[in-house]
N, C-alpha and C. Protein backbone atom coordinates (compact mmCIF):
# COMPACT_ATOMS: atom_id res chain seq x y z
N UNK A 1 63.53 29.02 84.26
CA UNK A 1 62.91 29.47 83.03
C UNK A 1 63.28 30.92 82.78
N UNK A 2 63.75 31.23 81.58
CA UNK A 2 64.06 32.60 81.22
C UNK A 2 62.78 33.32 80.82
N UNK A 3 62.66 34.57 81.24
CA UNK A 3 61.54 35.39 80.82
C UNK A 3 61.99 36.23 79.64
N UNK A 4 61.10 36.51 78.75
CA UNK A 4 61.42 37.37 77.62
C UNK A 4 60.53 38.60 77.68
N UNK A 5 61.09 39.75 77.43
CA UNK A 5 60.35 41.00 77.46
C UNK A 5 60.15 41.49 76.05
N UNK A 6 58.94 41.53 75.63
CA UNK A 6 58.61 42.02 74.30
C UNK A 6 57.63 43.17 74.42
N UNK A 7 57.89 44.06 75.37
CA UNK A 7 57.08 45.24 75.60
C UNK A 7 55.62 44.89 75.80
N UNK A 8 55.37 43.94 76.67
CA UNK A 8 54.02 43.49 76.98
C UNK A 8 53.73 43.71 78.44
N UNK A 9 52.61 44.30 78.74
CA UNK A 9 52.24 44.55 80.12
C UNK A 9 51.82 43.27 80.82
N UNK A 10 51.71 42.16 80.12
CA UNK A 10 51.26 40.90 80.71
C UNK A 10 52.39 40.14 81.40
N UNK A 11 53.58 40.68 81.42
CA UNK A 11 54.71 39.99 82.04
C UNK A 11 54.65 40.07 83.56
N UNK A 12 55.26 39.09 84.23
CA UNK A 12 55.28 39.14 85.69
C UNK A 12 56.15 40.30 86.18
N UNK A 13 55.86 40.75 87.36
CA UNK A 13 56.64 41.80 88.00
C UNK A 13 57.32 41.19 89.21
N UNK A 14 58.62 41.34 89.32
CA UNK A 14 59.35 40.82 90.47
C UNK A 14 59.12 41.74 91.66
N UNK A 15 59.01 41.18 92.85
CA UNK A 15 58.82 41.97 94.05
C UNK A 15 60.08 42.73 94.40
N UNK A 16 61.21 42.19 93.99
CA UNK A 16 62.50 42.81 94.26
C UNK A 16 63.42 42.53 93.08
N UNK A 17 64.51 43.24 93.03
CA UNK A 17 65.48 43.03 91.96
C UNK A 17 66.00 41.59 92.00
N UNK A 18 66.38 41.06 90.85
CA UNK A 18 66.98 39.71 90.85
C UNK A 18 68.21 39.68 91.76
N UNK A 19 68.59 38.50 92.21
CA UNK A 19 69.67 38.35 93.17
C UNK A 19 70.95 37.83 92.52
N UNK A 20 72.07 38.08 93.18
CA UNK A 20 73.36 37.54 92.74
C UNK A 20 73.24 36.01 92.70
N UNK A 21 73.79 35.42 91.64
CA UNK A 21 73.76 33.98 91.48
C UNK A 21 72.57 33.48 90.71
N UNK A 22 71.60 34.36 90.43
CA UNK A 22 70.43 33.95 89.66
C UNK A 22 70.59 34.36 88.20
N UNK A 23 69.79 33.77 87.36
CA UNK A 23 69.77 34.12 85.94
C UNK A 23 69.03 35.44 85.78
N UNK A 24 69.61 36.38 85.06
CA UNK A 24 68.94 37.65 84.80
C UNK A 24 67.75 37.40 83.89
N UNK A 25 66.59 37.94 84.22
CA UNK A 25 65.45 37.78 83.32
C UNK A 25 65.79 38.35 81.94
N UNK A 26 65.51 37.58 80.92
CA UNK A 26 65.79 38.00 79.55
C UNK A 26 64.75 39.04 79.13
N UNK A 27 65.13 39.91 78.23
CA UNK A 27 64.22 40.93 77.72
C UNK A 27 64.69 41.38 76.35
N UNK A 28 63.80 42.02 75.64
CA UNK A 28 64.12 42.67 74.37
C UNK A 28 63.54 44.07 74.43
N UNK A 29 64.39 45.06 74.20
CA UNK A 29 63.97 46.46 74.13
C UNK A 29 64.54 47.07 72.86
N UNK A 30 64.02 48.21 72.48
CA UNK A 30 64.52 48.91 71.30
C UNK A 30 65.57 49.94 71.72
N UNK A 31 66.58 50.09 70.84
CA UNK A 31 67.59 51.12 71.09
C UNK A 31 67.10 52.45 70.52
N UNK A 32 67.92 53.47 70.60
CA UNK A 32 67.53 54.80 70.14
C UNK A 32 67.23 54.85 68.64
N UNK A 33 67.77 53.89 67.87
CA UNK A 33 67.53 53.83 66.43
C UNK A 33 66.34 52.95 66.07
N UNK A 34 65.68 52.38 67.08
CA UNK A 34 64.51 51.55 66.84
C UNK A 34 64.81 50.08 66.62
N UNK A 35 66.07 49.68 66.71
CA UNK A 35 66.44 48.26 66.54
C UNK A 35 66.22 47.51 67.84
N UNK A 36 65.70 46.29 67.74
CA UNK A 36 65.49 45.45 68.92
C UNK A 36 66.81 44.87 69.40
N UNK A 37 67.01 44.89 70.71
CA UNK A 37 68.20 44.34 71.34
C UNK A 37 67.74 43.40 72.43
N UNK A 38 68.22 42.16 72.37
CA UNK A 38 67.84 41.14 73.35
C UNK A 38 69.02 40.88 74.29
N UNK A 39 68.73 40.83 75.58
CA UNK A 39 69.79 40.61 76.57
C UNK A 39 70.54 39.32 76.30
N UNK A 40 69.85 38.23 76.00
CA UNK A 40 70.52 36.95 75.76
C UNK A 40 71.50 37.03 74.60
N UNK A 41 71.18 37.82 73.60
CA UNK A 41 72.10 38.00 72.46
C UNK A 41 73.35 38.78 72.90
N UNK A 42 73.17 39.71 73.79
CA UNK A 42 74.31 40.49 74.29
C UNK A 42 75.21 39.64 75.17
N UNK A 43 74.63 38.83 76.07
CA UNK A 43 75.46 37.98 76.94
C UNK A 43 76.15 36.89 76.14
N UNK A 44 75.59 36.49 75.01
CA UNK A 44 76.25 35.48 74.16
C UNK A 44 77.58 36.01 73.63
N UNK A 45 77.73 37.33 73.57
CA UNK A 45 78.97 37.97 73.08
C UNK A 45 80.01 38.10 74.19
N UNK A 46 79.57 37.95 75.45
CA UNK A 46 80.47 38.12 76.59
C UNK A 46 79.73 38.72 77.76
N UNK A 47 80.46 39.09 78.80
CA UNK A 47 79.79 39.66 79.98
C UNK A 47 79.07 40.96 79.63
N UNK A 48 78.04 41.27 80.42
CA UNK A 48 77.24 42.47 80.20
C UNK A 48 77.18 43.28 81.50
N UNK A 49 77.37 44.57 81.36
CA UNK A 49 77.12 45.52 82.44
C UNK A 49 75.78 46.15 82.11
N UNK A 50 74.77 45.85 82.91
CA UNK A 50 73.42 46.35 82.69
C UNK A 50 73.18 47.50 83.66
N UNK A 51 72.99 48.69 83.12
CA UNK A 51 72.84 49.90 83.93
C UNK A 51 71.43 50.45 83.73
N UNK A 52 70.73 50.66 84.82
CA UNK A 52 69.37 51.21 84.78
C UNK A 52 69.45 52.65 85.28
N UNK A 53 69.03 53.57 84.43
CA UNK A 53 69.03 54.99 84.77
C UNK A 53 67.68 55.38 85.36
N UNK A 54 67.58 56.60 85.81
CA UNK A 54 66.30 57.12 86.31
C UNK A 54 65.43 57.62 85.17
N UNK A 55 65.99 57.79 84.00
CA UNK A 55 65.18 58.29 82.88
C UNK A 55 64.90 59.77 83.03
N UNK A 56 63.64 60.15 82.82
CA UNK A 56 63.27 61.56 82.85
C UNK A 56 62.16 61.79 83.87
N UNK A 57 62.54 62.01 85.14
CA UNK A 57 61.53 62.29 86.17
C UNK A 57 61.17 63.78 86.21
N UNK A 58 61.05 64.40 85.03
CA UNK A 58 60.78 65.82 84.94
C UNK A 58 62.03 66.64 84.62
N UNK A 59 63.18 65.99 84.60
CA UNK A 59 64.47 66.62 84.27
C UNK A 59 65.46 65.51 83.95
N UNK A 60 66.54 65.83 83.25
CA UNK A 60 67.59 64.85 83.00
C UNK A 60 68.43 64.74 84.27
N UNK A 61 68.51 63.54 84.79
CA UNK A 61 69.20 63.29 86.06
C UNK A 61 70.70 63.55 85.92
N UNK A 62 71.24 64.52 86.66
CA UNK A 62 72.67 64.80 86.55
C UNK A 62 73.55 63.66 87.08
N UNK A 63 73.06 62.91 88.06
CA UNK A 63 73.85 61.78 88.57
C UNK A 63 73.89 60.64 87.56
N UNK A 64 72.81 60.48 86.80
CA UNK A 64 72.81 59.48 85.71
C UNK A 64 73.84 59.88 84.65
N UNK A 65 73.85 61.16 84.29
CA UNK A 65 74.80 61.65 83.30
C UNK A 65 76.24 61.44 83.79
N UNK A 66 76.48 61.71 85.05
CA UNK A 66 77.82 61.52 85.62
C UNK A 66 78.21 60.04 85.60
N UNK A 67 77.27 59.16 85.92
CA UNK A 67 77.55 57.73 85.94
C UNK A 67 77.89 57.23 84.54
N UNK A 68 77.10 57.64 83.55
CA UNK A 68 77.37 57.22 82.16
C UNK A 68 78.72 57.77 81.71
N UNK A 69 79.01 59.01 82.08
CA UNK A 69 80.31 59.60 81.70
C UNK A 69 81.46 58.79 82.30
N UNK A 70 81.32 58.36 83.56
CA UNK A 70 82.36 57.54 84.19
C UNK A 70 82.55 56.23 83.43
N UNK A 71 81.45 55.62 83.01
CA UNK A 71 81.54 54.38 82.24
C UNK A 71 82.21 54.63 80.89
N UNK A 72 81.84 55.70 80.22
CA UNK A 72 82.46 56.04 78.93
C UNK A 72 83.95 56.30 79.13
N UNK A 73 84.31 56.97 80.21
CA UNK A 73 85.72 57.23 80.50
C UNK A 73 86.50 55.95 80.76
N UNK A 74 85.80 54.88 81.12
CA UNK A 74 86.42 53.57 81.37
C UNK A 74 86.12 52.58 80.25
N UNK A 75 85.75 53.10 79.09
CA UNK A 75 85.36 52.25 77.95
C UNK A 75 86.47 51.31 77.53
N UNK A 76 87.71 51.76 77.54
CA UNK A 76 88.82 50.90 77.12
C UNK A 76 88.96 49.71 78.06
N UNK A 77 88.90 49.95 79.37
CA UNK A 77 89.00 48.86 80.34
C UNK A 77 87.80 47.92 80.23
N UNK A 78 86.63 48.46 79.99
CA UNK A 78 85.45 47.62 79.81
C UNK A 78 85.57 46.78 78.54
N UNK A 79 86.13 47.35 77.50
CA UNK A 79 86.36 46.62 76.25
C UNK A 79 87.39 45.51 76.44
N UNK A 80 88.45 45.82 77.17
CA UNK A 80 89.48 44.82 77.47
C UNK A 80 88.87 43.63 78.21
N UNK A 81 87.88 43.90 79.07
CA UNK A 81 87.18 42.84 79.80
C UNK A 81 86.13 42.17 78.91
N UNK A 82 86.06 42.57 77.64
CA UNK A 82 85.12 42.03 76.67
C UNK A 82 83.67 42.26 77.07
N UNK A 83 83.43 43.32 77.85
CA UNK A 83 82.09 43.60 78.35
C UNK A 83 81.30 44.49 77.40
N UNK A 84 80.04 44.18 77.28
CA UNK A 84 79.06 45.03 76.61
C UNK A 84 78.40 45.85 77.72
N UNK A 85 78.12 47.10 77.46
CA UNK A 85 77.43 47.95 78.43
C UNK A 85 76.05 48.25 77.86
N UNK A 86 75.03 47.82 78.58
CA UNK A 86 73.65 48.01 78.16
C UNK A 86 73.01 48.97 79.15
N UNK A 87 72.63 50.14 78.65
CA UNK A 87 72.04 51.19 79.48
C UNK A 87 70.55 51.24 79.19
N UNK A 88 69.73 51.16 80.24
CA UNK A 88 68.28 51.20 80.09
C UNK A 88 67.77 52.56 80.58
N UNK A 89 67.03 53.24 79.68
CA UNK A 89 66.47 54.56 79.97
C UNK A 89 64.95 54.40 80.05
N UNK A 90 64.38 54.41 81.29
CA UNK A 90 62.94 54.22 81.43
C UNK A 90 62.16 55.53 81.34
N UNK A 91 60.89 55.40 81.03
CA UNK A 91 60.04 56.58 81.02
C UNK A 91 58.68 56.32 80.41
N UNK A 92 57.79 57.30 80.51
CA UNK A 92 56.49 57.18 79.88
C UNK A 92 56.65 57.01 78.36
N UNK A 93 55.84 56.14 77.78
CA UNK A 93 55.96 55.80 76.36
C UNK A 93 55.91 57.02 75.45
N UNK A 94 55.13 58.04 75.82
CA UNK A 94 54.97 59.19 74.94
C UNK A 94 56.19 60.11 74.89
N UNK A 95 57.10 59.99 75.86
CA UNK A 95 58.27 60.88 75.85
C UNK A 95 59.61 60.15 75.91
N UNK A 96 59.60 58.83 76.12
CA UNK A 96 60.86 58.12 76.36
C UNK A 96 61.83 58.24 75.18
N UNK A 97 61.33 58.20 73.95
CA UNK A 97 62.21 58.31 72.78
C UNK A 97 62.88 59.69 72.73
N UNK A 98 62.09 60.73 72.86
CA UNK A 98 62.67 62.08 72.76
C UNK A 98 63.60 62.39 73.94
N UNK A 99 63.20 62.00 75.14
CA UNK A 99 64.03 62.29 76.31
C UNK A 99 65.27 61.40 76.34
N UNK A 100 65.15 60.16 75.89
CA UNK A 100 66.31 59.27 75.81
C UNK A 100 67.32 59.80 74.80
N UNK A 101 66.83 60.26 73.65
CA UNK A 101 67.71 60.84 72.63
C UNK A 101 68.38 62.11 73.16
N UNK A 102 67.62 62.91 73.87
CA UNK A 102 68.17 64.14 74.47
C UNK A 102 69.29 63.78 75.46
N UNK A 103 69.06 62.77 76.29
CA UNK A 103 70.07 62.35 77.27
C UNK A 103 71.35 61.90 76.57
N UNK A 104 71.21 61.16 75.49
CA UNK A 104 72.37 60.56 74.81
C UNK A 104 73.11 61.54 73.92
N UNK A 105 72.54 62.70 73.64
CA UNK A 105 73.09 63.63 72.66
C UNK A 105 74.58 63.88 72.79
N UNK A 106 75.06 64.15 73.97
CA UNK A 106 76.47 64.52 74.15
C UNK A 106 77.30 63.43 74.81
N UNK A 107 76.80 62.20 74.82
CA UNK A 107 77.49 61.13 75.56
C UNK A 107 78.56 60.41 74.75
N UNK A 108 78.52 60.42 73.42
CA UNK A 108 79.50 59.74 72.58
C UNK A 108 79.73 58.29 73.05
N UNK A 109 78.66 57.52 73.03
CA UNK A 109 78.73 56.14 73.50
C UNK A 109 79.58 55.30 72.56
N UNK A 110 80.54 54.55 73.11
CA UNK A 110 81.39 53.68 72.29
C UNK A 110 80.57 52.55 71.65
N UNK A 111 81.17 51.86 70.70
CA UNK A 111 80.48 50.82 69.93
C UNK A 111 79.99 49.67 70.82
N UNK A 112 80.67 49.39 71.93
CA UNK A 112 80.24 48.29 72.79
C UNK A 112 79.26 48.74 73.88
N UNK A 113 78.72 49.95 73.72
CA UNK A 113 77.66 50.46 74.59
C UNK A 113 76.36 50.48 73.80
N UNK A 114 75.27 50.21 74.46
CA UNK A 114 73.95 50.22 73.82
C UNK A 114 72.99 50.90 74.78
N UNK A 115 72.25 51.91 74.29
CA UNK A 115 71.25 52.56 75.12
C UNK A 115 69.88 52.11 74.65
N UNK A 116 69.11 51.53 75.58
CA UNK A 116 67.79 50.99 75.27
C UNK A 116 66.72 51.81 75.97
N UNK A 117 65.56 51.84 75.35
CA UNK A 117 64.42 52.58 75.89
C UNK A 117 63.44 51.62 76.56
N UNK A 118 62.92 52.03 77.71
CA UNK A 118 61.97 51.23 78.48
C UNK A 118 60.64 51.99 78.58
N UNK A 119 59.83 51.94 77.52
CA UNK A 119 58.57 52.68 77.56
C UNK A 119 57.60 52.09 78.59
N UNK A 120 57.03 52.99 79.38
CA UNK A 120 56.04 52.65 80.41
C UNK A 120 56.57 51.66 81.45
N UNK A 121 57.88 51.62 81.63
CA UNK A 121 58.51 50.89 82.74
C UNK A 121 58.27 49.38 82.72
N UNK A 122 58.11 48.81 81.55
CA UNK A 122 57.88 47.37 81.46
C UNK A 122 59.11 46.61 81.98
N UNK A 123 60.30 46.96 81.47
CA UNK A 123 61.54 46.34 81.97
C UNK A 123 61.73 46.66 83.45
N UNK A 124 61.57 47.93 83.80
CA UNK A 124 61.78 48.38 85.18
C UNK A 124 60.91 47.57 86.15
N UNK A 125 59.66 47.35 85.79
CA UNK A 125 58.77 46.55 86.62
C UNK A 125 59.20 45.09 86.64
N UNK A 126 59.60 44.56 85.49
CA UNK A 126 60.05 43.17 85.42
C UNK A 126 61.21 42.92 86.39
N UNK A 127 62.12 43.87 86.49
CA UNK A 127 63.27 43.74 87.37
C UNK A 127 63.01 44.22 88.80
N UNK A 128 61.78 44.63 89.10
CA UNK A 128 61.45 45.07 90.46
C UNK A 128 62.13 46.36 90.85
N UNK A 129 62.35 47.27 89.88
CA UNK A 129 63.12 48.49 90.13
C UNK A 129 62.30 49.78 90.04
N UNK A 130 60.98 49.66 89.95
CA UNK A 130 60.14 50.85 89.81
C UNK A 130 60.16 51.65 91.11
N UNK A 131 60.60 52.90 90.99
CA UNK A 131 60.60 53.83 92.12
C UNK A 131 59.31 54.61 91.99
N UNK A 132 58.28 54.10 92.57
CA UNK A 132 56.94 54.64 92.37
C UNK A 132 56.65 55.71 93.42
N UNK A 133 57.24 56.87 93.23
CA UNK A 133 57.06 58.01 94.12
C UNK A 133 56.98 59.26 93.22
N UNK A 134 56.43 60.35 93.75
CA UNK A 134 56.36 61.56 92.93
C UNK A 134 57.74 61.96 92.39
N UNK A 135 57.79 62.27 91.12
CA UNK A 135 59.01 62.72 90.43
C UNK A 135 60.12 61.68 90.44
N UNK A 136 59.74 60.40 90.45
CA UNK A 136 60.71 59.31 90.39
C UNK A 136 60.32 58.35 89.28
N UNK A 137 61.22 57.50 88.88
CA UNK A 137 60.99 56.57 87.78
C UNK A 137 61.49 55.17 88.14
N UNK A 138 62.80 55.02 88.25
CA UNK A 138 63.40 53.72 88.54
C UNK A 138 64.55 53.92 89.52
N UNK A 139 64.80 52.87 90.31
CA UNK A 139 65.96 52.92 91.19
C UNK A 139 67.22 52.78 90.33
N UNK A 140 68.18 53.69 90.46
CA UNK A 140 69.42 53.56 89.70
C UNK A 140 70.11 52.25 90.08
N UNK A 141 70.45 51.46 89.09
CA UNK A 141 70.94 50.11 89.37
C UNK A 141 72.00 49.70 88.37
N UNK A 142 72.87 48.80 88.81
CA UNK A 142 73.86 48.20 87.93
C UNK A 142 73.94 46.71 88.24
N UNK A 143 73.93 45.92 87.19
CA UNK A 143 74.08 44.47 87.28
C UNK A 143 75.25 44.08 86.39
N UNK A 144 76.08 43.16 86.85
CA UNK A 144 77.11 42.58 85.99
C UNK A 144 76.71 41.13 85.78
N UNK A 145 76.64 40.74 84.51
CA UNK A 145 76.22 39.39 84.13
C UNK A 145 77.38 38.69 83.45
N UNK A 146 77.54 37.40 83.74
CA UNK A 146 78.55 36.64 83.01
C UNK A 146 77.97 36.26 81.64
N UNK A 147 78.75 35.55 80.84
CA UNK A 147 78.31 35.26 79.47
C UNK A 147 77.16 34.27 79.39
N UNK A 148 76.78 33.68 80.52
CA UNK A 148 75.60 32.81 80.55
C UNK A 148 74.36 33.57 81.01
N UNK A 149 74.54 34.83 81.41
CA UNK A 149 73.43 35.63 81.90
C UNK A 149 73.22 35.56 83.40
N UNK A 150 74.15 34.88 84.09
CA UNK A 150 74.06 34.80 85.55
C UNK A 150 74.56 36.10 86.16
N UNK A 151 73.86 36.58 87.18
CA UNK A 151 74.20 37.84 87.85
C UNK A 151 75.33 37.60 88.84
N UNK A 152 76.43 38.35 88.67
CA UNK A 152 77.58 38.21 89.56
C UNK A 152 77.81 39.45 90.43
N UNK A 153 77.12 40.54 90.13
CA UNK A 153 77.28 41.79 90.88
C UNK A 153 75.99 42.58 90.74
N UNK A 154 75.56 43.19 91.84
CA UNK A 154 74.38 44.06 91.81
C UNK A 154 74.64 45.26 92.72
N UNK A 155 74.21 46.40 92.24
CA UNK A 155 74.14 47.59 93.11
C UNK A 155 72.84 48.30 92.74
N UNK A 156 71.89 48.31 93.66
CA UNK A 156 70.62 49.00 93.49
C UNK A 156 70.58 50.10 94.54
N UNK A 157 70.39 51.32 94.09
CA UNK A 157 70.34 52.45 95.01
C UNK A 157 68.89 52.87 95.23
N UNK A 158 68.52 53.08 96.48
CA UNK A 158 67.18 53.58 96.78
C UNK A 158 67.22 55.09 97.03
N UNK A 159 68.33 55.70 96.60
CA UNK A 159 68.47 57.16 96.65
C UNK A 159 68.93 57.62 95.28
N UNK A 160 69.10 58.90 95.12
CA UNK A 160 69.60 59.42 93.85
C UNK A 160 71.08 59.12 93.64
N UNK A 161 71.81 58.94 94.70
CA UNK A 161 73.24 58.63 94.62
C UNK A 161 73.46 57.13 94.68
N UNK A 162 74.60 56.74 95.19
CA UNK A 162 74.88 55.33 95.40
C UNK A 162 75.07 54.52 94.13
N UNK A 163 75.61 55.13 93.10
CA UNK A 163 75.83 54.42 91.83
C UNK A 163 77.04 53.50 91.93
N UNK A 164 77.06 52.50 91.08
CA UNK A 164 78.18 51.56 91.06
C UNK A 164 79.40 52.23 90.44
N UNK A 165 80.49 52.37 91.19
CA UNK A 165 81.70 52.96 90.61
C UNK A 165 82.32 52.02 89.58
N UNK A 166 82.95 52.59 88.60
CA UNK A 166 83.59 51.80 87.53
C UNK A 166 84.57 50.79 88.12
N UNK A 167 85.30 51.15 89.17
CA UNK A 167 86.28 50.22 89.73
C UNK A 167 85.59 48.97 90.29
N UNK A 168 84.40 49.10 90.88
CA UNK A 168 83.66 47.93 91.36
C UNK A 168 83.18 47.07 90.20
N UNK A 169 82.71 47.72 89.15
CA UNK A 169 82.24 47.00 87.96
C UNK A 169 83.40 46.23 87.33
N UNK A 170 84.54 46.90 87.18
CA UNK A 170 85.71 46.25 86.59
C UNK A 170 86.21 45.10 87.47
N UNK A 171 86.13 45.25 88.78
CA UNK A 171 86.52 44.19 89.69
C UNK A 171 85.59 42.97 89.53
N UNK A 172 84.30 43.21 89.39
CA UNK A 172 83.34 42.12 89.18
C UNK A 172 83.61 41.43 87.86
N UNK A 173 83.94 42.20 86.84
CA UNK A 173 84.26 41.62 85.53
C UNK A 173 85.54 40.79 85.61
N UNK A 174 86.54 41.28 86.33
CA UNK A 174 87.81 40.54 86.46
C UNK A 174 87.60 39.21 87.17
N UNK A 175 86.66 39.17 88.10
CA UNK A 175 86.41 37.94 88.85
C UNK A 175 85.79 36.83 88.00
N UNK A 176 85.19 37.19 86.87
CA UNK A 176 84.56 36.17 86.01
C UNK A 176 85.41 35.83 84.79
N UNK A 177 86.57 36.44 84.66
CA UNK A 177 87.42 36.19 83.50
C UNK A 177 88.15 34.89 83.62
């Protein structure tokens, strides 16, 4: 059964991140412009690289910025793989819009990239990625999904580093082509 996220606190919370070979839980979040974006609609267009940032744990995470920059620098290769890149920016509902917009200001995200806001960690909790410690938000994570929404690659870091390198993401995408 697919789960749908409509910004409701009544959704189940996974004890751990979804596993390789399983269906990614479906969700709908708003982008920086306020438009709703549904994961199932994105995977219907082709593979999806789902990136979960730390959001704003009191500062803009420099490692998140570096990771997004690496993905933007590999935008042509990601486009060639027909991949959509969905970036999730979690945070408290009262600041997630302003801090997410601040984070994206200088990123020049390509057309096949989408930055979504996760107010009050509803998505983060659904995926079992809440880093519930002082000055933390979410475990930095990357999932690669095939066009059916099945997870073919996962990298979840329990530290500030350990991000999925673009070459690993591109390799996972090549394996499903």
